[in-house]
Protein backbone atom coordinates (compact mmCIF):
# COMPACT_ATOMS: atom_id res chain seq x y z
CA UNK A 1 -46.94 56.68 6.93
CA UNK A 2 -49.64 53.98 5.74
CA UNK A 3 -51.91 57.52 5.53
CA UNK A 4 -49.70 59.49 3.68
CA UNK A 5 -49.22 56.84 0.84
CA UNK A 6 -53.10 56.63 0.75
CA UNK A 7 -53.41 60.28 0.25
CA UNK A 8 -50.90 60.61 -2.55
CA UNK A 9 -51.96 61.44 -6.33
CA UNK A 10 -53.92 58.23 -7.42
CA UNK A 11 -51.56 55.73 -9.25
CA UNK A 12 -52.86 53.03 -11.76
CA UNK A 13 -50.69 50.90 -13.10
CA UNK A 14 -50.48 50.42 -17.27
CA UNK A 15 -50.65 47.16 -18.46
CA UNK A 16 -48.20 46.43 -21.48
CA UNK A 17 -49.77 46.27 -25.13
CA UNK A 18 -46.86 45.32 -27.04
CA UNK A 19 -44.94 42.04 -26.30
CA UNK A 20 -41.26 41.79 -27.65
CA UNK A 21 -40.18 38.76 -30.34
CA UNK A 22 -37.66 36.57 -28.60
CA UNK A 23 -36.69 34.52 -31.27
CA UNK A 24 -36.33 34.06 -34.88
CA UNK A 25 -37.03 31.46 -37.61
CA UNK A 26 -35.45 30.85 -40.87
CA UNK A 27 -35.57 28.18 -43.78
CA UNK A 28 -32.91 25.67 -43.87
CA UNK A 29 -30.85 26.70 -47.30
CA UNK A 30 -29.37 23.51 -48.48
CA UNK A 31 -27.43 25.21 -51.50
CA UNK A 32 -25.12 27.46 -48.60
CA UNK A 33 -22.81 25.62 -46.66
CA UNK A 34 -23.26 26.05 -43.16
CA UNK A 35 -20.35 26.24 -41.00
CA UNK A 36 -19.95 26.23 -37.12
CA UNK A 37 -17.33 29.42 -37.00
CA UNK A 38 -18.78 31.49 -40.20
CA UNK A 39 -19.96 34.77 -38.57
CA UNK A 40 -18.02 37.65 -39.87
CA UNK A 41 -15.06 38.94 -38.23
CA UNK A 42 -14.72 42.93 -36.93
CA UNK A 43 -12.64 43.17 -39.93
CA UNK A 44 -14.19 41.05 -42.13
CA UNK A 45 -12.96 43.18 -45.37
CA UNK A 46 -9.48 41.86 -44.68
CA UNK A 47 -10.38 38.42 -46.20
CA UNK A 48 -10.22 39.74 -49.55
CA UNK A 49 -6.76 40.43 -49.57
CA UNK A 50 -6.96 43.80 -51.25
CA UNK A 51 -4.70 46.28 -49.42
CA UNK A 52 -6.19 49.27 -51.27
CA UNK A 53 -9.64 48.27 -49.57
CA UNK A 54 -8.16 48.04 -46.39
CA UNK A 55 -6.65 51.54 -46.52
CA UNK A 56 -9.95 52.67 -47.96
CA UNK A 57 -11.95 51.24 -44.93
CA UNK A 58 -9.24 52.47 -42.39
CA UNK A 59 -9.29 56.12 -43.58
CA UNK A 60 -13.22 55.79 -43.74
CA UNK A 61 -13.15 54.78 -40.09
CA UNK A 62 -11.06 57.70 -39.08
CA UNK A 63 -12.36 60.57 -41.27
CA UNK A 64 -15.86 59.53 -42.09
CA UNK A 65 -18.21 62.58 -40.85
CA UNK A 66 -21.05 60.10 -40.12
CA UNK A 67 -19.06 58.22 -37.52
CA UNK A 68 -17.89 61.44 -36.27
CA UNK A 69 -21.54 62.64 -35.66
CA UNK A 70 -22.38 58.98 -34.10
CA UNK A 71 -19.40 59.62 -31.82
CA UNK A 72 -20.56 62.85 -30.41
CA UNK A 73 -23.85 61.60 -29.96
CA UNK A 74 -22.26 59.07 -27.53
CA UNK A 75 -20.13 61.57 -25.70
CA UNK A 76 -23.50 63.60 -25.52
CA UNK A 77 -25.17 60.21 -23.96
CA UNK A 78 -22.32 59.68 -21.44
CA UNK A 79 -22.61 63.28 -20.14
CA UNK A 80 -26.32 62.68 -19.81
CA UNK A 81 -25.46 59.37 -17.95
CA UNK A 82 -22.77 61.31 -15.61
CA UNK A 83 -25.42 63.61 -14.50
CA UNK A 84 -27.93 61.22 -13.61
CA UNK A 85 -25.61 59.35 -11.37
CA UNK A 86 -24.70 62.72 -9.79
CA UNK A 87 -27.99 62.22 -7.85
CA UNK A 88 -26.32 59.30 -5.98
CA UNK A 89 -24.09 61.83 -4.33
CA UNK A 90 -24.41 64.25 -1.39
CA UNK A 91 -24.50 67.72 -3.07
CA UNK A 92 -21.97 70.07 -1.25
CA UNK A 93 -21.80 73.87 -2.31
CA UNK A 94 -20.68 77.02 -0.77
CA UNK A 95 -22.05 80.76 -0.71
CA UNK A 96 -21.16 84.23 0.33
CA UNK A 97 -23.47 87.26 0.29
CA UNK A 98 -22.44 90.87 1.04
CA UNK A 99 -24.80 93.76 1.19
CA UNK A 100 -24.62 97.40 2.21
CA UNK A 101 -28.12 99.50 2.55
CA UNK A 102 -30.04 101.40 5.06
CA UNK A 103 -31.90 99.39 7.51
CA UNK A 104 -35.86 100.01 8.43
CA UNK A 105 -36.35 101.70 11.60
CA UNK A 106 -39.66 99.71 12.10
CA UNK A 107 -38.38 96.17 11.49
CA UNK A 108 -35.87 93.95 12.98
CA UNK A 109 -33.26 96.49 14.29
CA UNK A 110 -34.39 99.01 17.00
CA UNK A 111 -33.59 102.64 16.52
CA UNK A 112 -30.37 104.17 17.85
CA UNK A 113 -28.73 104.11 20.40
CA UNK A 114 -30.19 100.78 20.96
CA UNK A 115 -29.63 99.61 17.23
CA UNK A 116 -28.80 100.58 13.95
CA UNK A 117 -32.45 101.22 12.43
CA UNK A 118 -32.61 103.91 10.09
CA UNK A 119 -28.67 103.58 9.27
CA UNK A 120 -26.42 102.50 6.52
CA UNK A 121 -24.91 99.15 7.43
CA UNK A 122 -23.04 96.24 5.81
CA UNK A 123 -24.46 92.48 6.05
CA UNK A 124 -22.87 89.16 5.43
CA UNK A 125 -23.21 85.85 4.84
CA UNK A 126 -20.87 82.79 4.11
CA UNK A 127 -22.10 79.24 4.48
CA UNK A 128 -21.48 75.85 3.14
CA UNK A 129 -24.58 73.82 2.21
CA UNK A 130 -25.37 70.18 2.11
CA UNK A 131 -28.12 68.34 0.31
CA UNK A 132 -29.24 64.82 -0.31
CA UNK A 133 -32.27 63.30 -1.86
CA UNK A 134 -33.13 60.09 -0.19
CA UNK A 135 -33.92 57.67 -3.16
CA UNK A 136 -36.70 55.69 -1.35
CA UNK A 137 -38.86 54.66 -4.13
CA UNK A 138 -35.85 54.00 -6.84
CA UNK A 139 -36.33 56.83 -9.18
CA UNK A 140 -33.13 58.31 -9.48
CA UNK A 141 -31.79 54.55 -9.73
CA UNK A 142 -34.38 54.30 -12.71
CA UNK A 143 -33.34 57.44 -14.18
CA UNK A 144 -29.68 56.34 -13.88
CA UNK A 145 -30.51 52.74 -15.78
CA UNK A 146 -32.50 54.75 -18.37
CA UNK A 147 -29.29 56.98 -19.20
CA UNK A 148 -27.01 54.35 -19.23
CA UNK A 149 -29.19 52.25 -21.58
CA UNK A 150 -29.29 55.17 -23.73
CA UNK A 151 -25.65 55.24 -23.57
CA UNK A 152 -25.49 51.90 -24.97
CA UNK A 153 -28.09 52.58 -27.36
CA UNK A 154 -26.09 55.28 -28.95
CA UNK A 155 -22.89 53.14 -28.87
CA UNK A 156 -24.68 50.35 -31.02
CA UNK A 157 -25.77 53.23 -33.39
CA UNK A 158 -22.40 53.73 -33.71
CA UNK A 159 -21.65 50.26 -34.62
CA UNK A 160 -24.57 50.36 -37.00
CA UNK A 161 -23.56 53.34 -38.84
CA UNK A 162 -19.85 51.48 -38.99
CA UNK A 163 -21.38 48.44 -40.73
CA UNK A 164 -23.43 50.57 -43.08
CA UNK A 165 -20.36 52.71 -43.97
CA UNK A 166 -18.09 49.86 -44.34
CA UNK A 167 -20.52 47.48 -46.30
CA UNK A 168 -21.41 50.52 -48.81
CA UNK A 169 -17.78 51.03 -49.46
CA UNK A 170 -17.18 47.21 -50.14
CA UNK A 171 -20.50 47.22 -52.42
CA UNK A 172 -19.02 50.05 -54.39
CA UNK A 173 -15.58 48.74 -54.62
CA UNK A 174 -16.84 45.55 -55.77
CA UNK A 175 -18.67 47.55 -58.35
CA UNK A 176 -15.91 49.10 -59.42
CA UNK A 177 -13.91 46.00 -59.88
CA UNK A 178 -17.23 44.68 -61.92
CA UNK A 179 -16.67 48.12 -64.25
CA UNK A 180 -13.19 47.14 -64.82
CA UNK A 181 -14.07 43.33 -65.69
CA UNK A 182 -16.79 45.00 -68.08
CA UNK A 183 -14.28 47.31 -69.42
CA UNK A 184 -12.01 44.14 -70.35
CA UNK A 185 -14.93 42.55 -72.06
CA UNK A 186 -15.87 45.35 -74.40
CA UNK A 187 -12.24 46.08 -75.44
CA UNK A 188 -11.64 42.27 -76.13
CA UNK A 189 -14.74 42.45 -78.14
CA UNK A 190 -13.63 45.78 -79.95
CA UNK A 191 -10.29 44.16 -80.68
CA UNK A 192 -12.36 41.05 -82.44
CA UNK A 193 -14.30 43.66 -84.55
CA UNK A 194 -11.46 45.28 -85.49
CA UNK A 195 -9.97 42.04 -86.67
CA UNK A 196 -12.95 41.27 -88.48
CA UNK A 197 -12.88 44.89 -90.09
CA UNK A 198 -9.43 44.19 -91.24
CA UNK A 199 -10.65 40.95 -93.06
CA UNK A 200 -13.45 42.76 -94.48
CA UNK A 201 -10.85 45.16 -95.83
CA UNK A 202 -8.98 42.20 -97.53
CA UNK A 203 -12.23 40.71 -98.98
CA UNK A 204 -13.16 43.77 -100.64
CA UNK A 205 -9.80 44.63 -102.20
CA UNK A 206 -10.17 40.77 -103.36
CA UNK A 207 -13.53 41.52 -104.69
CA UNK A 208 -15.35 39.25 -102.29
CA UNK A 209 -16.90 41.75 -100.04
CA UNK A 210 -18.98 45.12 -100.75
CA UNK A 211 -18.63 48.33 -98.90
CA UNK A 212 -21.72 47.47 -97.06
CA UNK A 213 -19.84 45.29 -95.29
CA UNK A 214 -17.15 47.92 -94.56
CA UNK A 215 -19.68 50.34 -93.18
CA UNK A 216 -21.43 47.69 -91.05
CA UNK A 217 -18.20 46.77 -89.15
CA UNK A 218 -17.39 50.56 -88.68
CA UNK A 219 -20.72 51.04 -87.26
CA UNK A 220 -20.22 48.04 -84.44
CA UNK A 221 -16.70 49.45 -83.51
CA UNK A 222 -18.14 52.97 -83.29
CA UNK A 223 -20.88 51.70 -80.89
CA UNK A 224 -18.37 49.75 -78.92
CA UNK A 225 -16.17 52.75 -78.37
CA UNK A 226 -19.23 54.59 -77.09
CA UNK A 227 -19.96 51.72 -74.39
CA UNK A 228 -16.25 52.08 -73.39
CA UNK A 229 -16.63 55.94 -73.15
CA UNK A 230 -19.75 55.68 -71.07
CA UNK A 231 -18.12 52.95 -68.79
CA UNK A 232 -14.82 55.14 -68.28
CA UNK A 233 -17.19 57.62 -67.16
CA UNK A 234 -18.93 55.30 -64.77
CA UNK A 235 -15.78 54.47 -63.43
CA UNK A 236 -14.67 57.78 -62.49
CA UNK A 237 -17.97 58.48 -60.72
CA UNK A 238 -17.40 55.48 -58.61
CA UNK A 239 -14.21 56.28 -57.55
CA UNK A 240 -15.47 59.59 -56.51
CA UNK A 241 -17.94 57.77 -54.69
CA UNK A 242 -15.10 55.50 -52.90
CA UNK A 243 -13.43 59.06 -51.93
CA UNK A 244 -16.37 60.75 -50.53
CA UNK A 245 -17.09 57.53 -48.17
CA UNK A 246 -13.76 57.28 -47.46
CA UNK A 247 -13.64 60.91 -45.87
CA UNK A 248 -11.25 62.23 -48.78
CA UNK A 249 -11.64 65.20 -50.87
CA UNK A 250 -12.22 64.37 -54.84
CA UNK A 251 -8.93 64.80 -55.91
CA UNK A 252 -8.07 61.13 -54.14
CA UNK A 253 -10.35 59.62 -56.36
CA UNK A 254 -7.72 59.54 -59.37
CA UNK A 255 -5.44 57.44 -56.75
CA UNK A 256 -7.76 54.68 -56.70
CA UNK A 257 -6.79 51.62 -58.38
CA UNK A 258 -8.32 48.58 -60.08
CA UNK A 259 -9.53 46.33 -57.50
CA UNK A 260 -7.77 43.11 -56.64
CA UNK A 261 -10.53 41.41 -54.66
CA UNK A 262 -10.42 37.66 -54.11
CA UNK A 263 -13.61 35.54 -54.09
CA UNK A 264 -14.65 33.48 -51.11
CA UNK A 265 -17.23 30.80 -50.73
CA UNK A 266 -20.75 31.49 -49.30
CA UNK A 267 -20.78 30.06 -45.72
CA UNK A 268 -23.62 30.91 -43.14
CA UNK A 269 -23.33 29.97 -39.59
CA UNK A 270 -24.95 26.71 -38.48
CA UNK A 271 -26.59 28.87 -35.22
CA UNK A 272 -27.80 31.30 -37.34
CA UNK A 273 -31.33 31.66 -36.13
CA UNK A 274 -29.99 31.70 -32.55
CA UNK A 275 -27.39 34.41 -32.93
CA UNK A 276 -29.20 36.54 -34.82
CA UNK A 277 -30.70 38.94 -32.42
CA UNK A 278 -27.17 39.56 -30.78
CA UNK A 279 -25.42 39.95 -34.04
CA UNK A 280 -27.37 43.09 -35.42
CA UNK A 281 -26.36 46.30 -34.06
CA UNK A 282 -29.83 47.99 -34.55
CA UNK A 283 -31.50 45.17 -33.08
CA UNK A 284 -29.37 46.04 -29.72
CA UNK A 285 -29.99 49.63 -29.93
CA UNK A 286 -33.30 48.88 -29.92
CA UNK A 287 -33.23 46.45 -26.68
CA UNK A 288 -31.47 49.29 -25.08
CA UNK A 289 -34.01 51.89 -25.89
CA UNK A 290 -36.65 49.49 -24.28
CA UNK A 291 -34.66 49.10 -21.22
CA UNK A 292 -34.29 53.22 -21.05
CA UNK A 293 -37.90 53.57 -21.75
CA UNK A 294 -38.62 50.98 -18.89
CA UNK A 295 -36.29 52.88 -16.51
CA UNK A 296 -38.27 56.46 -17.24
CA UNK A 297 -41.38 54.88 -16.69
CA UNK A 298 -40.49 53.46 -13.27
CA UNK A 299 -39.06 56.54 -12.27
CA UNK A 300 -42.48 58.18 -13.37
CA UNK A 301 -44.16 55.98 -11.34
CA UNK A 302 -41.83 56.65 -8.34
CA UNK A 303 -43.24 60.28 -8.76
CA UNK A 304 -46.47 59.29 -6.91
CA UNK A 305 -44.91 58.66 -3.73
CA UNK A 306 -43.32 60.81 -0.78
CA UNK A 307 -39.88 62.57 -1.63
CA UNK A 308 -37.74 63.27 1.28
CA UNK A 309 -34.52 65.20 1.11
CA UNK A 310 -32.11 65.90 3.66
CA UNK A 311 -30.07 69.36 3.88
CA UNK A 312 -28.17 71.69 6.10
CA UNK A 313 -25.94 74.30 6.26
CA UNK A 314 -22.94 75.78 8.55
CA UNK A 315 -21.24 78.98 8.48
CA UNK A 316 -21.21 82.75 9.61
CA UNK A 317 -23.58 85.56 9.45
CA UNK A 318 -23.40 89.34 10.96
CA UNK A 319 -24.47 92.55 10.27
CA UNK A 320 -21.38 94.57 9.85
CA UNK A 321 -18.86 93.06 7.90
CA UNK A 322 -16.18 93.27 10.30
CA UNK A 323 -17.72 91.07 12.68
CA UNK A 324 -18.69 88.10 9.97
CA UNK A 325 -15.97 85.44 10.88
CA UNK A 326 -15.97 85.93 14.56
CA UNK A 327 -17.30 83.13 16.89
CA UNK A 328 -20.69 84.66 17.84
CA UNK A 329 -21.36 85.12 14.07
CA UNK A 330 -21.44 81.13 13.83
CA UNK A 331 -24.90 79.49 12.72
CA UNK A 332 -25.76 76.24 11.33
CA UNK A 333 -28.93 74.16 10.54
CA UNK A 334 -29.78 70.58 9.53
CA UNK A 335 -33.16 69.38 8.72
CA UNK A 336 -35.51 67.48 6.14
CA UNK A 337 -37.93 68.17 3.41
CA UNK A 338 -40.98 65.99 2.55
CA UNK A 339 -42.95 66.54 -0.12
CA UNK A 340 -45.96 64.24 -1.15
CA UNK A 341 -48.12 64.78 -4.29
CA UNK A 342 -52.10 65.00 -3.36
CA UNK A 343 -53.72 66.53 -6.25
CA UNK A 344 -52.08 68.10 -9.61
CA UNK A 345 -55.11 67.67 -11.90
CA UNK A 346 -53.75 64.33 -13.40
CA UNK A 347 -50.51 65.55 -14.53
CA UNK A 348 -48.41 62.40 -12.90
CA UNK A 349 -51.03 60.15 -14.21
CA UNK A 350 -50.61 61.71 -17.65
CA UNK A 351 -46.81 61.65 -17.46
CA UNK A 352 -46.72 58.16 -16.64
CA UNK A 353 -49.02 56.78 -18.98
CA UNK A 354 -46.84 58.80 -22.16
CA UNK A 355 -43.67 56.75 -20.16
CA UNK A 356 -45.86 53.64 -20.50
CA UNK A 357 -46.62 54.48 -24.13
CA UNK A 358 -43.00 54.81 -24.97
CA UNK A 359 -42.66 51.33 -24.13
CA UNK A 360 -44.86 50.06 -26.33
CA UNK A 361 -43.48 52.30 -29.03
CA UNK A 362 -39.80 50.84 -28.18
CA UNK A 363 -40.99 47.34 -28.03
CA UNK A 364 -42.81 48.15 -31.63
CA UNK A 365 -39.87 49.34 -33.18
CA UNK A 366 -37.70 46.48 -32.10
CA UNK A 367 -40.25 43.83 -33.36
CA UNK A 368 -39.98 45.67 -36.69
CA UNK A 369 -36.34 45.61 -36.53
CA UNK A 370 -36.26 41.78 -35.90
CA UNK A 371 -38.76 41.29 -38.65
CA UNK A 372 -36.67 43.40 -41.06
CA UNK A 373 -33.55 41.66 -39.75
CA UNK A 374 -35.17 38.04 -40.66
CA UNK A 375 -36.40 39.16 -43.88
CA UNK A 376 -33.09 40.72 -44.93
CA UNK A 377 -31.34 37.52 -44.08
CA UNK A 378 -33.95 35.38 -45.62
CA UNK A 379 -33.87 37.31 -48.96
CA UNK A 380 -30.10 37.07 -49.02
CA UNK A 381 -30.01 33.20 -48.62
CA UNK A 382 -33.00 32.81 -51.44
CA UNK A 383 -30.63 34.59 -53.92
CA UNK A 384 -27.51 33.05 -52.71
CA UNK A 385 -29.21 29.68 -53.42
CA UNK A 386 -30.35 30.56 -57.09
CA UNK A 387 -27.20 32.13 -57.90
CA UNK A 388 -24.83 28.86 -58.05
CA UNK A 389 -27.44 27.46 -60.80
CA UNK A 390 -27.36 30.83 -62.58
CA UNK A 391 -23.67 30.65 -62.63
CA UNK A 392 -23.37 27.23 -64.09
CA UNK A 393 -26.26 28.29 -66.64
CA UNK A 394 -23.89 31.51 -67.49
CA UNK A 395 -20.94 29.25 -67.86
CA UNK A 396 -22.53 26.86 -70.54
CA UNK A 397 -24.10 29.83 -72.56
CA UNK A 398 -20.99 31.77 -72.75
CA UNK A 399 -18.71 28.57 -73.64
CA UNK A 400 -21.38 27.82 -76.22
CA UNK A 401 -21.17 31.43 -77.36
CA UNK A 402 -17.55 31.47 -77.69
CA UNK A 403 -17.74 28.23 -79.78
CA UNK A 404 -20.46 29.68 -82.28
CA UNK A 405 -18.24 32.89 -82.88
CA UNK A 406 -15.21 30.94 -83.46
CA UNK A 407 -17.18 28.60 -86.16
CA UNK A 408 -18.73 31.47 -87.63
CA UNK A 409 -15.31 33.72 -88.02
CA UNK A 410 -14.18 30.48 -89.51
CA UNK A 411 -16.85 30.00 -91.94
CA UNK A 412 -16.82 33.86 -92.94
CA UNK A 413 -13.25 33.48 -93.99
CA UNK A 414 -13.63 30.27 -96.00
CA UNK A 415 -16.55 32.19 -97.66
CA UNK A 416 -19.16 29.59 -96.44
CA UNK A 417 -21.33 32.25 -94.77
CA UNK A 418 -22.10 36.00 -95.05
CA UNK A 419 -21.01 38.52 -92.45
CA UNK A 420 -24.14 39.15 -91.25
CA UNK A 421 -23.86 35.75 -89.61
CA UNK A 422 -20.73 36.70 -87.95
CA UNK A 423 -22.59 40.04 -86.56
CA UNK A 424 -25.50 38.03 -85.34
CA UNK A 425 -23.17 35.41 -83.39
CA UNK A 426 -20.73 38.25 -82.22
CA UNK A 427 -24.16 40.02 -80.54
CA UNK A 428 -25.02 36.87 -78.71
CA UNK A 429 -21.18 36.36 -77.61
CA UNK A 430 -21.13 40.04 -76.20
CA UNK A 431 -24.61 39.39 -74.50
CA UNK A 432 -23.38 36.28 -72.60
CA UNK A 433 -20.10 37.95 -71.64
CA UNK A 434 -22.01 40.70 -70.06
CA UNK A 435 -24.40 38.28 -68.44
CA UNK A 436 -21.60 36.26 -66.98
CA UNK A 437 -20.01 39.53 -65.62
CA UNK A 438 -23.04 40.67 -64.06
CA UNK A 439 -23.37 37.21 -62.42
CA UNK A 440 -20.17 37.72 -60.86
CA UNK A 441 -20.83 41.18 -59.89
CA UNK A 442 -24.07 40.09 -58.55
CA UNK A 443 -21.65 37.36 -56.25
CA UNK A 444 -19.71 40.00 -55.02
CA UNK A 445 -22.92 42.12 -53.83
CA UNK A 446 -24.47 39.36 -52.42
CA UNK A 447 -21.61 38.28 -50.28
CA UNK A 448 -21.24 41.69 -48.93
CA UNK A 449 -24.95 41.99 -48.24
CA UNK A 450 -24.68 38.56 -46.51
CA UNK A 451 -22.15 40.05 -44.26
CA UNK A 452 -24.30 42.82 -43.54
CA UNK A 453 -27.19 40.91 -42.91
CA UNK A 454 -24.97 38.85 -40.48
CA UNK A 455 -24.01 41.91 -38.51
CA UNK A 456 -20.59 42.33 -39.88
CA UNK A 457 -18.57 41.05 -36.82
CA UNK A 458 -20.75 42.86 -34.30
CA UNK A 459 -21.57 40.76 -31.32
CA UNK A 460 -23.65 42.37 -28.40
CA UNK A 461 -21.93 40.10 -25.82
CA UNK A 462 -18.69 41.14 -26.84
CA UNK A 463 -19.45 44.65 -27.22
CA UNK A 464 -19.43 45.60 -23.49
CA UNK A 465 -21.32 44.86 -20.72
CA UNK A 466 -24.47 42.99 -22.18
CA UNK A 467 -27.74 44.57 -21.88
CA UNK A 468 -30.72 41.76 -21.39
CA UNK A 469 -32.42 40.77 -24.15
CA UNK A 470 -35.59 42.28 -25.25
CA UNK A 471 -36.55 43.32 -21.42
CA UNK A 472 -40.04 42.51 -20.50
CA UNK A 473 -42.48 45.54 -20.37
CA UNK A 474 -44.19 43.86 -17.44
CA UNK A 475 -41.56 45.39 -15.33
CA UNK A 476 -43.83 48.65 -15.36
CA UNK A 477 -46.39 47.39 -13.01
CA UNK A 478 -45.67 48.25 -8.85
C-alpha cells in the first residue's frame, strides 16, 4: 500500500492566504441606553403596535416573490445534500436484457448440429446488481459536509432576504407616516394663511391695506396648495410601494390607511460586539460557505489517493429465453475495483488548487461582510448619538418660531407692523415645522436601520444546528 500511495499523482498542500476575522470591536456610545435583553425579537415590528403594519408583514412573508425564490433555492440545496448523502449507502439495481439475432458461425457457438452458430436465436439476462464505494479517504464525507453547509447558507440567505424585506416595509411605512405628518403641517399652515387672508380682506375694506397684500396672501396660499398636491401624489406612490412589497396588486394600495406607529426608545444590547457575528444572517451564510469550500477542498485532496469499490451481481443468463430462469442459467459475481491516479497532466493539482482558492475567496468575502456589518452598526449608533441633541434643538427652534408668529400676527392685527413681517415669520415657522417633522422621520428610519443592523431577531444559534464560527482554512493541510 505504501508503494501504491507513493506512486499516486503528486499531492502538495496549499497554505491558507486569508485569515477570518473572529471578533468585532465597537466604540461605546454613551447616548444610547445599553440593555442586556435589547436584541430585536423575531417579529420585532409588533412592538410598534400597528395592526395594519402587522398585516402587511404577514402578507409580505407569505406572498413576496423574493422570499419564494429564496425558498426554491433552499429546496435545490436540500436536493443536492440528499444527493451527496446517497453515496453513504450501497447502490442496488436490477436489469433485464433480451435480444434476438443471428449468431456467428465462427465465434462462441459451433455450427449445427453441435451448436446454433449461423442461426437466429434469442438471448436473455436478468440480474440484480450491487455496488458500494469504500470512502477510505473521506471524499464522500467531505462532499456531504459541503452540501449540508450550502444548504445552511441557502437558509441563512433566506433569513437575510426576509430581514431586508421586513425592514424595507417598515422604513417605507414609517415614511408614509411622516408624509401624513407633513400633510398636517402644510394643512395647518394653509389654514393660518387663510385666516390671515380674511384679516387682510377686512383691513382692505377699512382702507388699512392695499390689494398688494391681498395678492401676496393669494400667492402664498396657492404655493401651499401645490405642495399639498405634490405630497398627495407622493403618498399614493408610497402606498403602491408598500402594496408591491407585500406581494399585492396595485389596486390594494388604496386600502392602506394612515400609520399609527408608536415611538420606542433607542436601546442597544450590552453584549453587542460579542454577539454581532451570530446575529447577522449574511455573516452566518458566509461562514457556511467557508465550511462548504473547506469540504470541497478536502474532497479534491482525497482524489489523489486510491479509490476502492465493491461490486457484484446475481441473476440468470441463457441463450434461448425459454431457459432463462432455469437453475442452470444462474450467474453471480462479486469483486472489487481499485483505481489509483499516477499521471494526469496536473489535472488533480489544478482542481485542488482551485478549491483551495475558493476557501480564500470565501474567507475574504466573510471578512468583508464582517467589516460592513461593524461599519453599519457604528454608523447607526453615531447617528443616534447625534439625533437626541438635534431633536432638542429642533423643539426649541419650533417653540420660538410659534411664539414669534403669534406675536407678529398680533402686531399686524393691531396695526403695529406690516404684513411683510407676518410673511417672514410665517416662512420661518413653516421651515421649523418641516425640520421637526424631518427629525421625527429620521428617528423612525434610524430605529428600523438599527434593528436591521442588529439582525432583526435572527440568531444563528437558535436557527437550527449551529455551524462552527469562521472555520479555519488551515484544515486544508493533510
